[in-house]
Protein backbone atom coordinates (compact mmCIF):
# COMPACT_ATOMS: atom_id res chain seq x y z
CA MET A 1 -0.17 -0.21 0.05
CA ALA A 2 1.44 3.39 -0.79
CA ARG A 3 1.98 5.96 1.68
CA LEU A 4 -0.03 9.19 1.59
CA LYS A 5 2.25 12.12 1.36
CA LEU A 6 2.88 13.45 5.14
CA PRO A 7 2.02 17.43 5.53
CA GLU A 8 5.13 19.57 5.08
CA GLU A 9 5.94 19.78 9.21
CA LEU A 10 6.18 15.88 9.53
CA THR A 11 8.70 14.42 8.53
CA ASP A 12 10.21 10.70 7.53
CA ASP A 13 11.21 10.83 11.90
CA ASP A 14 7.83 11.13 12.99
CA TYR A 15 6.45 8.67 10.81
CA ALA A 16 9.10 6.16 12.04
CA VAL A 17 7.83 6.92 15.83
CA SER A 18 4.05 7.80 16.16
CA ALA A 19 1.93 5.12 15.34
CA THR A 20 -0.53 7.98 14.96
CA VAL A 21 1.14 9.24 12.27
CA ARG A 22 0.94 6.71 10.15
CA ASP A 23 -2.63 7.18 10.01
CA LEU A 24 -3.75 10.74 10.00
CA GLY A 25 -6.59 10.62 8.09
CA ARG A 26 -8.65 8.63 11.39
CA LEU A 27 -6.91 11.85 13.41
CA HIS A 28 -7.92 14.42 11.21
CA ARG A 29 -11.57 13.34 11.73
CA VAL A 30 -11.50 13.32 15.06
CA LEU A 31 -9.74 16.72 14.91
CA ARG A 32 -12.62 18.02 13.07
CA ARG A 33 -15.24 17.99 16.27
CA LEU A 34 -12.87 20.93 17.64
CA GLU A 35 -12.35 22.39 14.57
CA ASP A 36 -15.96 23.25 14.64
CA LEU A 37 -16.32 24.34 17.48
CA PRO A 38 -17.52 28.15 17.68
CA GLU A 39 -14.61 30.19 17.05
CA ASP A 40 -14.58 32.01 20.54
CA ASN A 41 -14.67 28.56 22.15
CA ARG A 42 -11.91 26.58 20.10
CA PRO A 43 -8.86 25.53 22.17
CA ASN A 44 -6.19 28.32 21.90
CA SER A 45 -3.59 26.03 24.62
CA LEU A 46 -2.45 22.42 23.92
CA LEU A 47 -0.42 20.15 26.06
CA ASP A 48 0.59 17.28 24.59
CA LEU A 49 1.98 14.66 27.41
CA GLY A 50 4.94 12.52 25.74
CA CYS A 51 5.36 14.82 22.36
CA GLY A 52 8.82 13.19 21.58
CA ILE A 53 10.14 15.11 18.71
CA GLY A 54 7.12 17.37 18.25
CA GLY A 55 6.23 16.69 14.56
CA LEU A 56 2.46 15.58 15.58
CA THR A 57 2.26 18.24 18.47
CA MET A 58 2.88 21.14 16.11
CA HIS A 59 1.12 19.51 13.11
CA ILE A 60 -1.91 19.67 15.53
CA ALA A 61 -1.55 23.08 17.42
CA GLY A 62 -1.54 24.56 13.06
CA ARG A 63 -4.90 22.81 12.51
CA LEU A 64 -6.36 24.45 15.61
CA GLY A 65 -4.35 27.64 15.34
CA ILE A 66 -2.80 27.38 18.80
CA ALA A 67 0.45 29.73 18.50
CA GLN A 68 3.29 27.75 20.83
CA PRO A 69 1.85 24.73 22.85
CA LEU A 70 4.01 22.94 25.73
CA GLY A 71 5.17 19.43 25.37
CA VAL A 72 6.35 17.06 27.84
CA ASP A 73 8.55 14.43 27.93
CA VAL A 74 11.23 12.76 30.19
CA ASP A 75 13.56 12.25 26.45
CA GLU A 76 16.01 15.46 26.61
CA GLU A 77 17.01 14.42 23.13
CA ARG A 78 13.41 14.95 21.87
CA LEU A 79 12.54 17.45 24.14
CA GLU A 80 15.61 19.53 22.25
CA ARG A 81 14.31 18.15 18.85
CA ALA A 82 10.55 19.54 19.92
CA SER A 83 11.98 22.47 21.23
CA VAL A 84 13.62 23.64 17.65
CA ARG A 85 10.54 22.80 16.21
CA GLY A 86 8.75 25.38 18.21
CA VAL A 87 7.16 23.66 21.21
CA ARG A 88 7.82 24.64 24.94
CA THR A 89 9.56 21.76 26.45
CA ILE A 90 9.03 20.27 29.71
CA ASN A 91 10.98 17.21 31.24
CA ALA A 92 8.61 15.38 33.47
CA ASN A 93 8.19 11.77 34.03
CA LEU A 94 4.08 10.96 33.72
CA ASN A 95 4.61 7.87 35.71
CA GLU A 96 4.69 10.19 39.14
CA GLN A 97 5.63 13.86 38.63
CA PRO A 98 3.28 16.76 38.85
CA LEU A 99 3.54 18.87 36.19
CA PRO A 100 4.88 22.54 36.51
CA ILE A 101 1.37 24.32 35.06
CA ALA A 102 -1.47 25.93 36.44
CA ASP A 103 -4.95 24.36 37.69
CA ALA A 104 -7.39 25.09 34.78
CA SER A 105 -5.22 26.75 32.25
CA ILE A 106 -4.80 24.50 29.50
CA ASP A 107 -7.98 24.13 26.85
CA LEU A 108 -6.58 20.75 24.89
CA ALA A 109 -4.37 18.14 26.29
CA THR A 110 -2.98 15.16 23.75
CA SER A 111 -1.54 11.94 24.21
CA PHE A 112 -0.04 9.74 21.29
CA GLY A 113 1.79 6.54 22.30
CA VAL A 114 3.00 7.50 25.61
CA PHE A 115 0.64 5.20 28.09
CA GLU A 116 1.91 1.80 26.89
CA HIS A 117 5.16 3.16 28.55
CA LEU A 118 3.88 3.93 31.75
CA VAL A 119 3.61 2.04 34.81
CA PHE A 120 0.19 3.22 36.15
CA TYR A 121 -2.08 5.59 34.20
CA ASP A 122 -3.54 7.46 37.45
CA ASN A 123 -0.63 10.14 37.80
CA ALA A 124 -1.24 11.34 33.57
CA VAL A 125 -4.67 11.27 33.53
CA ALA A 126 -5.18 12.81 37.15
CA GLU A 127 -2.49 15.66 36.11
CA ALA A 128 -4.30 16.15 32.18
CA ALA A 129 -8.04 16.33 34.63
CA ARG A 130 -5.82 19.06 37.18
CA VAL A 131 -4.73 21.37 34.27
CA LEU A 132 -7.37 21.40 31.91
CA ARG A 133 -9.96 24.34 32.60
CA ASP A 134 -13.37 22.77 32.70
CA GLY A 135 -15.27 21.75 29.32
CA GLY A 136 -11.61 21.60 29.06
CA TRP A 137 -10.51 18.64 25.91
CA PHE A 138 -8.28 15.27 26.56
CA LEU A 139 -7.35 13.75 23.10
CA LEU A 140 -5.13 10.24 23.22
CA SER A 141 -4.39 7.48 21.54
CA MET A 142 -3.30 4.01 22.46
CA PRO A 143 -2.45 0.57 21.44
CA ASN A 144 -5.49 -1.47 22.05
CA LEU A 145 -5.13 -4.52 24.60
CA GLY A 146 -8.50 -5.90 23.47
CA SER A 147 -7.46 -6.28 19.38
CA TYR A 148 -8.19 -8.74 17.29
CA ILE A 149 -4.71 -9.04 16.88
CA ASN A 150 -4.16 -9.62 20.63
CA ARG A 151 -7.25 -12.13 21.21
CA ALA A 152 -5.64 -14.20 18.67
CA ALA A 153 -2.22 -14.30 19.79
CA LEU A 154 -3.75 -15.17 23.11
CA LEU A 155 -5.26 -18.31 21.84
CA LEU A 156 -2.55 -19.14 20.40
CA GLY A 157 -0.41 -18.77 23.26
CA PHE A 158 1.53 -15.96 21.91
CA GLN A 159 2.53 -12.79 24.41
CA PRO A 160 0.89 -9.39 23.25
CA ARG A 161 2.66 -6.93 21.96
CA GLU A 162 1.95 -4.16 24.21
CA VAL A 163 2.97 -6.51 27.28
CA GLU A 164 6.46 -6.79 26.92
CA VAL A 165 8.58 -8.82 29.61
CA SER A 166 11.75 -7.92 28.05
CA ARG A 167 14.36 -5.23 27.20
CA GLU A 168 16.29 -7.07 25.09
CA VAL A 169 14.27 -9.28 22.71
CA ALA A 170 10.01 -9.29 22.12
CA ALA A 171 9.72 -12.65 23.85
CA GLY A 172 7.04 -14.77 22.50
CA MET A 173 5.32 -12.04 19.87
CA LEU A 174 3.49 -13.39 17.16
CA PRO A 175 5.94 -13.83 13.65
CA ILE A 176 4.39 -10.63 11.95
CA TYR A 177 6.22 -8.47 14.05
CA ARG A 178 9.59 -9.51 12.74
CA LYS A 179 8.46 -7.76 9.59
CA GLY A 180 6.55 -4.93 11.06
CA PRO A 181 7.73 -1.55 11.59
CA SER A 182 9.76 -2.44 14.33
CA LYS A 183 11.26 -5.13 13.17
CA GLY A 184 10.66 -7.40 16.24
CA ALA A 185 12.56 -5.24 18.77
CA PRO A 186 11.35 -4.47 22.30
CA LEU A 187 9.40 -0.96 22.28
CA GLY A 188 9.55 -0.38 25.67
CA HIS A 189 5.72 -1.34 25.60
CA VAL A 190 5.16 -1.74 29.67
CA HIS A 191 1.05 -2.64 29.24
CA ALA A 192 -1.68 -1.51 27.34
CA ALA A 193 -5.31 -1.17 28.12
CA THR A 194 -8.92 -2.08 26.42
CA LEU A 195 -11.38 0.67 25.60
CA ARG A 196 -13.73 -0.65 28.37
CA CYS A 197 -10.71 0.02 31.01
CA MET A 198 -10.08 3.39 29.62
CA ARG A 199 -13.51 4.52 29.73
CA GLU A 200 -14.16 3.51 33.39
CA LEU A 201 -10.32 5.41 34.46
CA LEU A 202 -11.28 8.87 32.15
CA ASP A 203 -14.86 8.51 34.11
CA HIS A 204 -13.01 8.14 37.28
CA HIS A 205 -10.80 11.27 37.22
CA GLY A 206 -13.45 13.77 35.57
CA PHE A 207 -14.27 13.06 32.22
CA ARG A 208 -16.77 12.60 30.05
CA ILE A 209 -16.45 10.88 26.58
CA GLU A 210 -17.06 12.89 23.72
CA THR A 211 -16.10 10.25 20.56
CA VAL A 212 -14.64 7.00 20.55
CA SER A 213 -13.17 5.67 17.00
CA GLY A 214 -10.83 2.83 16.25
CA PHE A 215 -7.75 3.12 13.57
CA SER A 216 -5.12 1.80 12.22
CA PRO A 217 -1.35 2.38 11.44
CA ASP A 218 0.25 1.08 8.55
CA PHE A 219 1.68 -1.76 9.86
CA GLY A 220 4.02 -2.53 6.50
CA SER A 221 1.62 -6.25 6.41
CA THR A 222 -0.76 -6.86 3.52
CA ALA A 223 -2.45 -9.70 5.70
CA ILE A 224 -2.81 -7.37 8.80
CA ARG A 225 -4.25 -4.51 6.29
CA MET A 226 -6.80 -6.54 5.06
CA LEU A 227 -8.16 -7.93 8.20
CA ASP A 228 -7.97 -4.22 9.09
CA VAL A 229 -10.63 -3.15 6.57
CA VAL A 230 -12.91 -6.14 8.67
CA PHE A 231 -11.73 -5.16 12.37
CA GLY A 232 -10.12 -1.60 11.93
CA ASN A 233 -13.54 0.63 12.39
CA ILE A 234 -14.80 -1.36 15.57
CA ALA A 235 -13.22 0.78 17.84
CA SER A 236 -13.12 -2.16 20.80
CA LEU A 237 -11.06 -4.84 18.35
CA SER A 238 -9.45 -2.23 16.34
CA ARG A 239 -5.32 -2.43 16.71
CA ARG A 240 -5.54 1.14 18.42
CA PHE A 241 -8.34 3.56 19.27
CA ILE A 242 -8.52 7.27 19.58
CA ILE A 243 -10.98 8.30 22.51
CA LEU A 244 -11.67 12.60 22.34
CA ALA A 245 -13.18 13.47 26.13
CA GLN A 246 -14.29 16.18 27.66
CA ARG A 247 -13.52 17.35 31.57
CA ARG A 248 -16.50 17.85 33.83
CA PRO A 249 -17.16 20.72 35.75
CA ARG A 250 -15.79 20.53 39.12
CA SER A 251 -18.85 21.83 40.87
CA SER A 252 -20.48 18.71 39.54
CA GLY A 253 -18.15 15.85 41.27
CA GLY A 254 -15.67 16.09 38.35
CA GLN A 255 -12.77 16.52 40.74
CA ARG A 256 -11.70 13.51 43.31
């Protein structure tokens, strides 16, 4: 399958490190919900949790007309590259550290492909809830532990790709991952979550789900792409999912 041309602010490096960049069309369909808001209610500030090298951060900021987004990451080299691209960077460990950002000061928080690298999700989700204003938005995407491919892997006795037990080898993974974008190398994925799990967690931390969509980033395998046609539009079964959630007003019990 031919790769679609990337927008000028995104590079081959962004394509290599970001699954979301490999299915931009699906992301754009979710972003239209924010783009279609009345002008006086569109997000004016953006915080990207796990911004990496900053390409996707700047791409979303550009579509929404946000001048200087904030980006959080724990990798200094990636933060330097993101800073050069226009992201105001913060070095913080989302597993455990609070963010140096005021309460209720952000309109939109995003996170693409960082949750699977965290031991627990509470700090990252709670910090997003804290810094977002009432009615602010949280847009996130992540691998789906309940995907059709993981369900099949478990039935056959293989390890789900998002539950790695080694930094040295992708032990127990399906053979198809040896030919995927990672070429079988460990990705540092601690664990992922099912869609049901994320719905409940977001509700617990004060969010209302606005929309959910499955998506299927380019994998490089014809067989997987054919299965994605069948399962990719079913969020609970797709390889990944995107969630757009809104911060509930604190006065109604959204703040724990």
